[in-house]
Amino acid sequence: MAWFHCRKAVRAAQAIVLSSLVSACSPEEPVEIEVSTVTDEGPYGGYSVRWYKTRWKSETTEQRRWCRRQQSEPVMQSCVNADIGWKQGWGDPTTNPPRKWEDGSELD
């Protein structure tokens, strides 16, 4: 009977040591999971319309150029989002303020 308890203790110790080794070898940072099945969506592919809207002058412009060069059918969702976001960002005074006031005076 004592032998059974001893084997049980040894197995428990082995399990603890093994779990410690596994946790020590695992990466510290979480692994990114690929959410898209498309292998290449361009330099800034895969973002929402809102993301593209706030970056309409830089990243969105570059993404739209990349999409135009691809000429793929059907058009990728990231290209559609970039196009919509660019138009919304360009037309929104909070992301593209006017250079002159309505009375013609210059902005500071």
PDB file of N, CA and C in Angstrom:
ATOM      1  N   MET A   1       0.812  -1.192   0.000  1.00  0.00           N
ATOM      2  CA  MET A   1       0.000   0.000   0.000  1.00  0.00           C
ATOM      3  C   MET A   1       0.864   1.268   0.000  1.00  0.00           C
ATOM      4  N   ALA A   2       1.960   1.227   0.744  1.00  0.00           N
ATOM      5  CA  ALA A   2       2.872   2.371   0.799  1.00  0.00           C
ATOM      6  C   ALA A   2       3.502   2.614  -0.567  1.00  0.00           C
ATOM      7  N   TRP A   3       3.788   1.531  -1.298  1.00  0.00           N
ATOM      8  CA  TRP A   3       4.354   1.639  -2.633  1.00  0.00           C
ATOM      9  C   TRP A   3       3.407   2.398  -3.561  1.00  0.00           C
ATOM     10  N   PHE A   4       2.102   2.185  -3.458  1.00  0.00           N
ATOM     11  CA  PHE A   4       1.106   2.848  -4.285  1.00  0.00           C
ATOM     12  C   PHE A   4       1.132   4.354  -4.034  1.00  0.00           C
ATOM     13  N   HIS A   5       1.199   4.759  -2.761  1.00  0.00           N
ATOM     14  CA  HIS A   5       1.234   6.188  -2.425  1.00  0.00           C
ATOM     15  C   HIS A   5       2.533   6.824  -2.893  1.00  0.00           C
ATOM     16  N   CYS A   6       3.615   6.070  -2.856  1.00  0.00           N
ATOM     17  CA  CYS A   6       4.908   6.579  -3.310  1.00  0.00           C
ATOM     18  C   CYS A   6       4.885   6.818  -4.820  1.00  0.00           C
ATOM     19  N   ARG A   7       4.325   5.869  -5.588  1.00  0.00           N
ATOM     20  CA  ARG A   7       4.207   6.025  -7.046  1.00  0.00           C
ATOM     21  C   ARG A   7       3.333   7.216  -7.386  1.00  0.00           C
ATOM     22  N   LYS A   8       2.267   7.399  -6.615  1.00  0.00           N
ATOM     23  CA  LYS A   8       1.354   8.515  -6.845  1.00  0.00           C
ATOM     24  C   LYS A   8       2.087   9.848  -6.618  1.00  0.00           C
ATOM     25  N   ALA A   9       2.907   9.919  -5.573  1.00  0.00           N
ATOM     26  CA  ALA A   9       3.670  11.126  -5.269  1.00  0.00           C
ATOM     27  C   ALA A   9       4.700  11.415  -6.364  1.00  0.00           C
ATOM     28  N   VAL A  10       5.341  10.353  -6.872  1.00  0.00           N
ATOM     29  CA  VAL A  10       6.330  10.520  -7.941  1.00  0.00           C
ATOM     30  C   VAL A  10       5.657  11.037  -9.207  1.00  0.00           C
ATOM     31  N   ARG A  11       4.520  10.494  -9.550  1.00  0.00           N
ATOM     32  CA  ARG A  11       3.793  10.949 -10.747  1.00  0.00           C
ATOM     33  C   ARG A  11       3.344  12.408 -10.592  1.00  0.00           C
ATOM     34  N   ALA A  12       2.897  12.784  -9.422  1.00  0.00           N
ATOM     35  CA  ALA A  12       2.502  14.171  -9.171  1.00  0.00           C
ATOM     36  C   ALA A  12       3.703  15.102  -9.326  1.00  0.00           C
ATOM     37  N   ALA A  13       4.851  14.690  -8.813  1.00  0.00           N
ATOM     38  CA  ALA A  13       6.068  15.492  -8.929  1.00  0.00           C
ATOM     39  C   ALA A  13       6.487  15.622 -10.391  1.00  0.00           C
ATOM     40  N   GLN A  14       6.368  14.531 -11.149  1.00  0.00           N
ATOM     41  CA  GLN A  14       6.706  14.566 -12.574  1.00  0.00           C
ATOM     42  C   GLN A  14       5.782  15.534 -13.319  1.00  0.00           C
ATOM     43  N   ALA A  15       4.522  15.506 -12.973  1.00  0.00           N
ATOM     44  CA  ALA A  15       3.566  16.397 -13.626  1.00  0.00           C
ATOM     45  C   ALA A  15       3.894  17.858 -13.337  1.00  0.00           C
ATOM     46  N   ILE A  16       4.288  18.148 -12.114  1.00  0.00           N
ATOM     47  CA  ILE A  16       4.641  19.526 -11.741  1.00  0.00           C
ATOM     48  C   ILE A  16       5.886  19.979 -12.484  1.00  0.00           C
ATOM     49  N   VAL A  17       6.896  19.137 -12.535  1.00  0.00           N
ATOM     50  CA  VAL A  17       8.137  19.471 -13.232  1.00  0.00           C
ATOM     51  C   VAL A  17       7.863  19.666 -14.723  1.00  0.00           C
ATOM     52  N   LEU A  18       7.071  18.794 -15.313  1.00  0.00           N
ATOM     53  CA  LEU A  18       6.751  18.892 -16.735  1.00  0.00           C
ATOM     54  C   LEU A  18       5.989  20.172 -17.040  1.00  0.00           C
ATOM     55  N   SER A  19       5.020  20.502 -16.212  1.00  0.00           N
ATOM     56  CA  SER A  19       4.260  21.732 -16.458  1.00  0.00           C
ATOM     57  C   SER A  19       5.138  22.961 -16.287  1.00  0.00           C
ATOM     58  N   SER A  20       6.105  22.913 -15.368  1.00  0.00           N
ATOM     59  CA  SER A  20       7.032  24.034 -15.189  1.00  0.00           C
ATOM     60  C   SER A  20       7.914  24.204 -16.414  1.00  0.00           C
ATOM     61  N   LEU A  21       8.374  23.097 -16.980  1.00  0.00           N
ATOM     62  CA  LEU A  21       9.210  23.160 -18.182  1.00  0.00           C
ATOM     63  C   LEU A  21       8.427  23.691 -19.370  1.00  0.00           C
ATOM     64  N   VAL A  22       7.208  23.258 -19.521  1.00  0.00           N
ATOM     65  CA  VAL A  22       6.380  23.705 -20.639  1.00  0.00           C
ATOM     66  C   VAL A  22       6.105  25.196 -20.521  1.00  0.00           C
ATOM     67  N   SER A  23       5.775  25.664 -19.321  1.00  0.00           N
ATOM     68  CA  SER A  23       5.490  27.093 -19.159  1.00  0.00           C
ATOM     69  C   SER A  23       6.752  27.934 -19.341  1.00  0.00           C
ATOM     70  N   ALA A  24       7.906  27.403 -18.981  1.00  0.00           N
ATOM     71  CA  ALA A  24       9.156  28.132 -19.158  1.00  0.00           C
ATOM     72  C   ALA A  24       9.530  28.250 -20.625  1.00  0.00           C
ATOM     73  N   CYS A  25       9.144  27.279 -21.425  1.00  0.00           N
ATOM     74  CA  CYS A  25       9.488  27.283 -22.847  1.00  0.00           C
ATOM     75  C   CYS A  25       8.453  28.011 -23.703  1.00  0.00           C
ATOM     76  N   SER A  26       7.304  28.306 -23.152  1.00  0.00           N
ATOM     77  CA  SER A  26       6.273  28.962 -23.949  1.00  0.00           C
ATOM     78  C   SER A  26       6.603  30.441 -24.098  1.00  0.00           C
ATOM     79  N   PRO A  27       6.172  31.055 -25.220  1.00  0.00           N
ATOM     80  CA  PRO A  27       6.489  32.464 -25.461  1.00  0.00           C
ATOM     81  C   PRO A  27       5.781  33.367 -24.445  1.00  0.00           C
ATOM     82  N   GLU A  28       6.433  34.482 -24.137  1.00  0.00           N
ATOM     83  CA  GLU A  28       5.874  35.434 -23.174  1.00  0.00           C
ATOM     84  C   GLU A  28       4.698  36.203 -23.778  1.00  0.00           C
ATOM     85  N   GLU A  29       4.831  36.568 -25.035  1.00  0.00           N
ATOM     86  CA  GLU A  29       3.802  37.372 -25.681  1.00  0.00           C
ATOM     87  C   GLU A  29       2.776  36.463 -26.338  1.00  0.00           C
ATOM     88  N   PRO A  30       1.514  36.894 -26.364  1.00  0.00           N
ATOM     89  CA  PRO A  30       0.496  36.071 -27.023  1.00  0.00           C
ATOM     90  C   PRO A  30       0.755  35.996 -28.524  1.00  0.00           C
ATOM     91  N   VAL A  31       0.438  34.887 -29.107  1.00  0.00           N
ATOM     92  CA  VAL A  31       0.646  34.676 -30.534  1.00  0.00           C
ATOM     93  C   VAL A  31      -0.494  35.327 -31.299  1.00  0.00           C
ATOM     94  N   GLU A  32      -0.146  36.100 -32.346  1.00  0.00           N
ATOM     95  CA  GLU A  32      -1.184  36.718 -33.167  1.00  0.00           C
ATOM     96  C   GLU A  32      -1.862  35.673 -34.025  1.00  0.00           C
ATOM     97  N   ILE A  33      -3.161  35.762 -34.096  1.00  0.00           N
ATOM     98  CA  ILE A  33      -3.935  34.838 -34.911  1.00  0.00           C
ATOM     99  C   ILE A  33      -4.303  35.542 -36.200  1.00  0.00           C
ATOM    100  N   GLU A  34      -4.057  34.885 -37.305  1.00  0.00           N
ATOM    101  CA  GLU A  34      -4.401  35.459 -38.596  1.00  0.00           C
ATOM    102  C   GLU A  34      -5.908  35.386 -38.774  1.00  0.00           C
ATOM    103  N   VAL A  35      -6.532  36.533 -39.022  1.00  0.00           N
ATOM    104  CA  VAL A  35      -7.981  36.578 -39.128  1.00  0.00           C
ATOM    105  C   VAL A  35      -8.466  36.602 -40.569  1.00  0.00           C
ATOM    106  N   SER A  36      -7.563  36.780 -41.499  1.00  0.00           N
ATOM    107  CA  SER A  36      -7.950  36.841 -42.896  1.00  0.00           C
ATOM    108  C   SER A  36      -7.413  35.632 -43.646  1.00  0.00           C
ATOM    109  N   THR A  37      -8.178  35.184 -44.624  1.00  0.00           N
ATOM    110  CA  THR A  37      -7.721  34.078 -45.451  1.00  0.00           C
ATOM    111  C   THR A  37      -6.946  34.570 -46.664  1.00  0.00           C
ATOM    112  N   VAL A  38      -6.990  35.878 -46.930  1.00  0.00           N
ATOM    113  CA  VAL A  38      -6.251  36.464 -48.042  1.00  0.00           C
ATOM    114  C   VAL A  38      -4.807  36.627 -47.593  1.00  0.00           C
ATOM    115  N   THR A  39      -3.872  36.159 -48.411  1.00  0.00           N
ATOM    116  CA  THR A  39      -2.474  36.189 -47.998  1.00  0.00           C
ATOM    117  C   THR A  39      -1.864  37.590 -48.073  1.00  0.00           C
ATOM    118  N   ASP A  40      -2.286  38.413 -49.013  1.00  0.00           N
ATOM    119  CA  ASP A  40      -1.724  39.753 -49.137  1.00  0.00           C
ATOM    120  C   ASP A  40      -2.851  40.741 -49.392  1.00  0.00           C
ATOM    121  N   GLU A  41      -3.098  41.609 -48.425  1.00  0.00           N
ATOM    122  CA  GLU A  41      -4.140  42.618 -48.565  1.00  0.00           C
ATOM    123  C   GLU A  41      -3.547  44.009 -48.726  1.00  0.00           C
ATOM    124  N   GLY A  42      -2.277  44.086 -49.054  1.00  0.00           N
ATOM    125  CA  GLY A  42      -1.646  45.378 -49.265  1.00  0.00           C
ATOM    126  C   GLY A  42      -0.918  45.867 -48.040  1.00  0.00           C
ATOM    127  N   PRO A  43      -0.319  47.046 -48.143  1.00  0.00           N
ATOM    128  CA  PRO A  43       0.492  47.563 -47.042  1.00  0.00           C
ATOM    129  C   PRO A  43      -0.312  47.866 -45.779  1.00  0.00           C
ATOM    130  N   TYR A  44      -1.570  48.234 -45.934  1.00  0.00           N
ATOM    131  CA  TYR A  44      -2.414  48.559 -44.783  1.00  0.00           C
ATOM    132  C   TYR A  44      -3.758  47.858 -44.894  1.00  0.00           C
ATOM    133  N   GLY A  45      -3.756  46.640 -45.335  1.00  0.00           N
ATOM    134  CA  GLY A  45      -4.999  45.898 -45.521  1.00  0.00           C
ATOM    135  C   GLY A  45      -5.576  45.355 -44.235  1.00  0.00           C
ATOM    136  N   GLY A  46      -6.901  45.220 -44.220  1.00  0.00           N
ATOM    137  CA  GLY A  46      -7.563  44.556 -43.110  1.00  0.00           C
ATOM    138  C   GLY A  46      -8.120  45.457 -42.028  1.00  0.00           C
ATOM    139  N   TYR A  47      -8.138  46.760 -42.235  1.00  0.00           N
ATOM    140  CA  TYR A  47      -8.646  47.659 -41.208  1.00  0.00           C
ATOM    141  C   TYR A  47     -10.083  48.072 -41.493  1.00  0.00           C
ATOM    142  N   SER A  48     -10.705  48.697 -40.492  1.00  0.00           N
ATOM    143  CA  SER A  48     -12.088  49.154 -40.617  1.00  0.00           C
ATOM    144  C   SER A  48     -12.154  50.476 -41.368  1.00  0.00           C
ATOM    145  N   VAL A  49     -13.349  50.835 -41.806  1.00  0.00           N
ATOM    146  CA  VAL A  49     -13.552  52.111 -42.480  1.00  0.00           C
ATOM    147  C   VAL A  49     -13.133  53.252 -41.557  1.00  0.00           C
ATOM    148  N   ARG A  50     -13.463  53.156 -40.289  1.00  0.00           N
ATOM    149  CA  ARG A  50     -13.122  54.209 -39.321  1.00  0.00           C
ATOM    150  C   ARG A  50     -11.609  54.412 -39.236  1.00  0.00           C
ATOM    151  N   TRP A  51     -10.840  53.309 -39.238  1.00  0.00           N
ATOM    152  CA  TRP A  51      -9.381  53.406 -39.178  1.00  0.00           C
ATOM    153  C   TRP A  51      -8.863  54.130 -40.407  1.00  0.00           C
ATOM    154  N   TYR A  52      -9.368  53.756 -41.586  1.00  0.00           N
ATOM    155  CA  TYR A  52      -8.925  54.398 -42.828  1.00  0.00           C
ATOM    156  C   TYR A  52      -9.339  55.874 -42.859  1.00  0.00           C
ATOM    157  N   LYS A  53     -10.499  56.188 -42.300  1.00  0.00           N
ATOM    158  CA  LYS A  53     -10.977  57.573 -42.307  1.00  0.00           C
ATOM    159  C   LYS A  53     -10.021  58.482 -41.542  1.00  0.00           C
ATOM    160  N   THR A  54      -9.543  58.035 -40.398  1.00  0.00           N
ATOM    161  CA  THR A  54      -8.665  58.888 -39.601  1.00  0.00           C
ATOM    162  C   THR A  54      -7.260  58.972 -40.177  1.00  0.00           C
ATOM    163  N   ARG A  55      -6.917  58.085 -41.103  1.00  0.00           N
ATOM    164  CA  ARG A  55      -5.585  58.083 -41.721  1.00  0.00           C
ATOM    165  C   ARG A  55      -5.679  58.282 -43.240  1.00  0.00           C
ATOM    166  N   TRP A  56      -6.651  59.077 -43.655  1.00  0.00           N
ATOM    167  CA  TRP A  56      -6.951  59.194 -45.079  1.00  0.00           C
ATOM    168  C   TRP A  56      -5.820  59.816 -45.888  1.00  0.00           C
ATOM    169  N   LYS A  57      -4.987  60.640 -45.278  1.00  0.00           N
ATOM    170  CA  LYS A  57      -3.919  61.299 -46.036  1.00  0.00           C
ATOM    171  C   LYS A  57      -2.718  60.407 -46.257  1.00  0.00           C
ATOM    172  N   SER A  58      -2.473  59.460 -45.381  1.00  0.00           N
ATOM    173  CA  SER A  58      -1.230  58.690 -45.475  1.00  0.00           C
ATOM    174  C   SER A  58      -1.485  57.222 -45.790  1.00  0.00           C
ATOM    175  N   GLU A  59      -1.782  56.425 -44.774  1.00  0.00           N
ATOM    176  CA  GLU A  59      -1.927  54.988 -44.973  1.00  0.00           C
ATOM    177  C   GLU A  59      -3.042  54.633 -45.953  1.00  0.00           C
ATOM    178  N   THR A  60      -4.167  55.340 -45.850  1.00  0.00           N
ATOM    179  CA  THR A  60      -5.299  55.036 -46.726  1.00  0.00           C
ATOM    180  C   THR A  60      -4.976  55.335 -48.181  1.00  0.00           C
ATOM    181  N   THR A  61      -4.281  56.443 -48.424  1.00  0.00           N
ATOM    182  CA  THR A  61      -3.891  56.785 -49.792  1.00  0.00           C
ATOM    183  C   THR A  61      -2.986  55.703 -50.368  1.00  0.00           C
ATOM    184  N   GLU A  62      -2.026  55.247 -49.571  1.00  0.00           N
ATOM    185  CA  GLU A  62      -1.113  54.200 -50.029  1.00  0.00           C
ATOM    186  C   GLU A  62      -1.843  52.882 -50.283  1.00  0.00           C
ATOM    187  N   GLN A  63      -2.785  52.543 -49.398  1.00  0.00           N
ATOM    188  CA  GLN A  63      -3.564  51.316 -49.571  1.00  0.00           C
ATOM    189  C   GLN A  63      -4.406  51.381 -50.844  1.00  0.00           C
ATOM    190  N   ARG A  64      -5.012  52.518 -51.112  1.00  0.00           N
ATOM    191  CA  ARG A  64      -5.841  52.669 -52.327  1.00  0.00           C
ATOM    192  C   ARG A  64      -4.995  52.538 -53.594  1.00  0.00           C
ATOM    193  N   ARG A  65      -3.793  53.101 -53.572  1.00  0.00           N
ATOM    194  CA  ARG A  65      -2.890  52.952 -54.734  1.00  0.00           C
ATOM    195  C   ARG A  65      -2.565  51.476 -54.962  1.00  0.00           C
ATOM    196  N   TRP A  66      -2.261  50.757 -53.887  1.00  0.00           N
ATOM    197  CA  TRP A  66      -1.954  49.336 -53.993  1.00  0.00           C
ATOM    198  C   TRP A  66      -3.155  48.584 -54.567  1.00  0.00           C
ATOM    199  N   CYS A  67      -4.347  48.907 -54.095  1.00  0.00           N
ATOM    200  CA  CYS A  67      -5.562  48.230 -54.571  1.00  0.00           C
ATOM    201  C   CYS A  67      -5.791  48.479 -56.060  1.00  0.00           C
ATOM    202  N   ARG A  68      -5.554  49.705 -56.506  1.00  0.00           N
ATOM    203  CA  ARG A  68      -5.745  50.012 -57.936  1.00  0.00           C
ATOM    204  C   ARG A  68      -4.778  49.216 -58.815  1.00  0.00           C
ATOM    205  N   ARG A  69      -3.567  48.990 -58.338  1.00  0.00           N
ATOM    206  CA  ARG A  69      -2.587  48.210 -59.111  1.00  0.00           C
ATOM    207  C   ARG A  69      -2.976  46.733 -59.197  1.00  0.00           C
ATOM    208  N   GLN A  70      -3.704  46.231 -58.199  1.00  0.00           N
ATOM    209  CA  GLN A  70      -4.062  44.807 -58.175  1.00  0.00           C
ATOM    210  C   GLN A  70      -5.118  44.453 -59.206  1.00  0.00           C
ATOM    211  N   GLN A  71      -6.095  45.308 -59.377  1.00  0.00           N
ATOM    212  CA  GLN A  71      -7.194  45.079 -60.313  1.00  0.00           C
ATOM    213  C   GLN A  71      -7.770  43.677 -60.187  1.00  0.00           C
ATOM    214  N   SER A  72      -8.029  43.252 -58.964  1.00  0.00           N
ATOM    215  CA  SER A  72      -8.552  41.908 -58.744  1.00  0.00           C
ATOM    216  C   SER A  72     -10.074  41.914 -58.683  1.00  0.00           C
ATOM    217  N   GLU A  73     -10.661  40.831 -59.114  1.00  0.00           N
ATOM    218  CA  GLU A  73     -12.106  40.630 -59.028  1.00  0.00           C
ATOM    219  C   GLU A  73     -12.360  39.383 -58.225  1.00  0.00           C
ATOM    220  N   PRO A  74     -13.198  39.353 -57.258  1.00  0.00           N
ATOM    221  CA  PRO A  74     -13.893  40.516 -56.705  1.00  0.00           C
ATOM    222  C   PRO A  74     -12.934  41.382 -55.903  1.00  0.00           C
ATOM    223  N   VAL A  75     -13.321  42.623 -55.707  1.00  0.00           N
ATOM    224  CA  VAL A  75     -12.485  43.571 -54.982  1.00  0.00           C
ATOM    225  C   VAL A  75     -12.425  43.155 -53.516  1.00  0.00           C
ATOM    226  N   MET A  76     -11.223  43.199 -52.940  1.00  0.00           N
ATOM    227  CA  MET A  76     -11.041  42.826 -51.532  1.00  0.00           C
ATOM    228  C   MET A  76     -11.756  43.801 -50.613  1.00  0.00           C
ATOM    229  N   GLN A  77     -12.236  43.302 -49.492  1.00  0.00           N
ATOM    230  CA  GLN A  77     -12.934  44.146 -48.520  1.00  0.00           C
ATOM    231  C   GLN A  77     -12.038  45.265 -47.998  1.00  0.00           C
ATOM    232  N   SER A  78     -10.750  44.988 -47.821  1.00  0.00           N
ATOM    233  CA  SER A  78      -9.844  46.039 -47.340  1.00  0.00           C
ATOM    234  C   SER A  78      -9.760  47.183 -48.348  1.00  0.00           C
ATOM    235  N   CYS A  79      -9.864  46.875 -49.635  1.00  0.00           N
ATOM    236  CA  CYS A  79      -9.840  47.928 -50.661  1.00  0.00           C
ATOM    237  C   CYS A  79     -11.126  48.750 -50.626  1.00  0.00           C
ATOM    238  N   VAL A  80     -12.239  48.083 -50.420  1.00  0.00           N
ATOM    239  CA  VAL A  80     -13.520  48.782 -50.303  1.00  0.00           C
ATOM    240  C   VAL A  80     -13.495  49.689 -49.071  1.00  0.00           C
ATOM    241  N   ASN A  81     -13.036  49.157 -47.939  1.00  0.00           N
ATOM    242  CA  ASN A  81     -12.965  49.946 -46.704  1.00  0.00           C
ATOM    243  C   ASN A  81     -12.039  51.140 -46.854  1.00  0.00           C
ATOM    244  N   ALA A  82     -10.894  50.951 -47.513  1.00  0.00           N
ATOM    245  CA  ALA A  82      -9.948  52.045 -47.708  1.00  0.00           C
ATOM    246  C   ALA A  82     -10.556  53.143 -48.574  1.00  0.00           C
ATOM    247  N   ASP A  83     -11.279  52.759 -49.606  1.00  0.00           N
ATOM    248  CA  ASP A  83     -11.899  53.738 -50.500  1.00  0.00           C
ATOM    249  C   ASP A  83     -12.972  54.542 -49.772  1.00  0.00           C
ATOM    250  N   ILE A  84     -13.826  53.855 -49.035  1.00  0.00           N
ATOM    251  CA  ILE A  84     -14.884  54.537 -48.272  1.00  0.00           C
ATOM    252  C   ILE A  84     -14.261  55.435 -47.204  1.00  0.00           C
ATOM    253  N   GLY A  85     -13.283  54.911 -46.480  1.00  0.00           N
ATOM    254  CA  GLY A  85     -12.631  55.694 -45.423  1.00  0.00           C
ATOM    255  C   GLY A  85     -11.926  56.919 -45.958  1.00  0.00           C
ATOM    256  N   TRP A  86     -11.283  56.799 -47.125  1.00  0.00           N
ATOM    257  CA  TRP A  86     -10.601  57.944 -47.725  1.00  0.00           C
ATOM    258  C   TRP A  86     -11.607  59.044 -48.050  1.00  0.00           C
ATOM    259  N   LYS A  87     -12.716  58.652 -48.674  1.00  0.00           N
ATOM    260  CA  LYS A  87     -13.750  59.641 -49.039  1.00  0.00           C
ATOM    261  C   LYS A  87     -14.354  60.293 -47.800  1.00  0.00           C
ATOM    262  N   GLN A  88     -14.626  59.496 -46.767  1.00  0.00           N
ATOM    263  CA  GLN A  88     -15.194  60.053 -45.538  1.00  0.00           C
ATOM    264  C   GLN A  88     -14.196  60.974 -44.832  1.00  0.00           C
ATOM    265  N   GLY A  89     -12.936  60.588 -44.790  1.00  0.00           N
ATOM    266  CA  GLY A  89     -11.918  61.412 -44.144  1.00  0.00           C
ATOM    267  C   GLY A  89     -11.689  62.713 -44.862  1.00  0.00           C
ATOM    268  N   TRP A  90     -11.693  62.656 -46.187  1.00  0.00           N
ATOM    269  CA  TRP A  90     -11.488  63.855 -46.988  1.00  0.00           C
ATOM    270  C   TRP A  90     -12.665  64.816 -46.811  1.00  0.00           C
ATOM    271  N   GLY A  91     -13.872  64.283 -46.702  1.00  0.00           N
ATOM    272  CA  GLY A  91     -15.063  65.127 -46.593  1.00  0.00           C
ATOM    273  C   GLY A  91     -15.407  65.575 -45.189  1.00  0.00           C
ATOM    274  N   ASP A  92     -14.729  65.065 -44.184  1.00  0.00           N
ATOM    275  CA  ASP A  92     -15.053  65.382 -42.793  1.00  0.00           C
ATOM    276  C   ASP A  92     -14.170  66.523 -42.294  1.00  0.00           C
ATOM    277  N   PRO A  93     -14.774  67.648 -41.849  1.00  0.00           N
ATOM    278  CA  PRO A  93     -13.960  68.771 -41.383  1.00  0.00           C
ATOM    279  C   PRO A  93     -13.114  68.460 -40.149  1.00  0.00           C
ATOM    280  N   THR A  94     -13.459  67.416 -39.389  1.00  0.00           N
ATOM    281  CA  THR A  94     -12.622  67.078 -38.233  1.00  0.00           C
ATOM    282  C   THR A  94     -11.327  66.394 -38.652  1.00  0.00           C
ATOM    283  N   THR A  95     -11.321  65.698 -39.774  1.00  0.00           N
ATOM    284  CA  THR A  95     -10.097  65.065 -40.255  1.00  0.00           C
ATOM    285  C   THR A  95      -9.460  65.836 -41.410  1.00  0.00           C
ATOM    286  N   ASN A  96     -10.217  66.728 -42.038  1.00  0.00           N
ATOM    287  CA  ASN A  96      -9.708  67.546 -43.137  1.00  0.00           C
ATOM    288  C   ASN A  96     -10.304  68.946 -42.999  1.00  0.00           C
ATOM    289  N   PRO A  97      -9.774  69.744 -42.063  1.00  0.00           N
ATOM    290  CA  PRO A  97     -10.360  71.069 -41.833  1.00  0.00           C
ATOM    291  C   PRO A  97     -10.178  71.975 -43.047  1.00  0.00           C
ATOM    292  N   PRO A  98     -11.129  72.895 -43.243  1.00  0.00           N
ATOM    293  CA  PRO A  98     -11.019  73.815 -44.390  1.00  0.00           C
ATOM    294  C   PRO A  98      -9.827  74.747 -44.213  1.00  0.00           C
ATOM    295  N   ARG A  99      -9.268  75.195 -45.326  1.00  0.00           N
ATOM    296  CA  ARG A  99      -8.121  76.097 -45.277  1.00  0.00           C
ATOM    297  C   ARG A  99      -8.553  77.549 -45.055  1.00  0.00           C
ATOM    298  N   LYS A 100      -9.820  77.816 -45.372  1.00  0.00           N
ATOM    299  CA  LYS A 100     -10.353  79.166 -45.181  1.00  0.00           C
ATOM    300  C   LYS A 100     -11.721  79.054 -44.516  1.00  0.00           C
ATOM    301  N   TRP A 101     -12.041  80.087 -43.750  1.00  0.00           N
ATOM    302  CA  TRP A 101     -13.371  80.155 -43.157  1.00  0.00           C
ATOM    303  C   TRP A 101     -14.361  80.565 -44.235  1.00  0.00           C
ATOM    304  N   GLU A 102     -15.636  80.431 -43.942  1.00  0.00           N
ATOM    305  CA  GLU A 102     -16.682  80.784 -44.917  1.00  0.00           C
ATOM    306  C   GLU A 102     -16.621  82.244 -45.330  1.00  0.00           C
ATOM    307  N   ASP A 103     -16.131  83.113 -44.429  1.00  0.00           N
ATOM    308  CA  ASP A 103     -16.036  84.542 -44.760  1.00  0.00           C
ATOM    309  C   ASP A 103     -14.789  84.863 -45.583  1.00  0.00           C
ATOM    310  N   GLY A 104     -13.955  83.856 -45.881  1.00  0.00           N
ATOM    311  CA  GLY A 104     -12.775  84.057 -46.705  1.00  0.00           C
ATOM    312  C   GLY A 104     -11.490  84.278 -45.937  1.00  0.00           C
ATOM    313  N   SER A 105     -11.575  84.418 -44.619  1.00  0.00           N
ATOM    314  CA  SER A 105     -10.356  84.635 -43.836  1.00  0.00           C
ATOM    315  C   SER A 105      -9.564  83.325 -43.696  1.00  0.00           C
ATOM    316  N   GLU A 106      -8.273  83.484 -43.520  1.00  0.00           N
ATOM    317  CA  GLU A 106      -7.381  82.330 -43.420  1.00  0.00           C
ATOM    318  C   GLU A 106      -7.454  81.727 -42.018  1.00  0.00           C
ATOM    319  N   LEU A 107      -7.222  80.425 -41.950  1.00  0.00           N
ATOM    320  CA  LEU A 107      -7.126  79.761 -40.659  1.00  0.00           C
ATOM    321  C   LEU A 107      -5.779  80.042 -40.033  1.00  0.00           C
ATOM    322  N   ASP A 108      -5.716  80.015 -38.716  1.00  0.00           N
ATOM    323  CA  ASP A 108      -4.450  80.219 -38.021  1.00  0.00           C
ATOM    324  C   ASP A 108      -3.527  79.054 -38.196  1.00  0.00           C
TER     325      ASP A 108
END
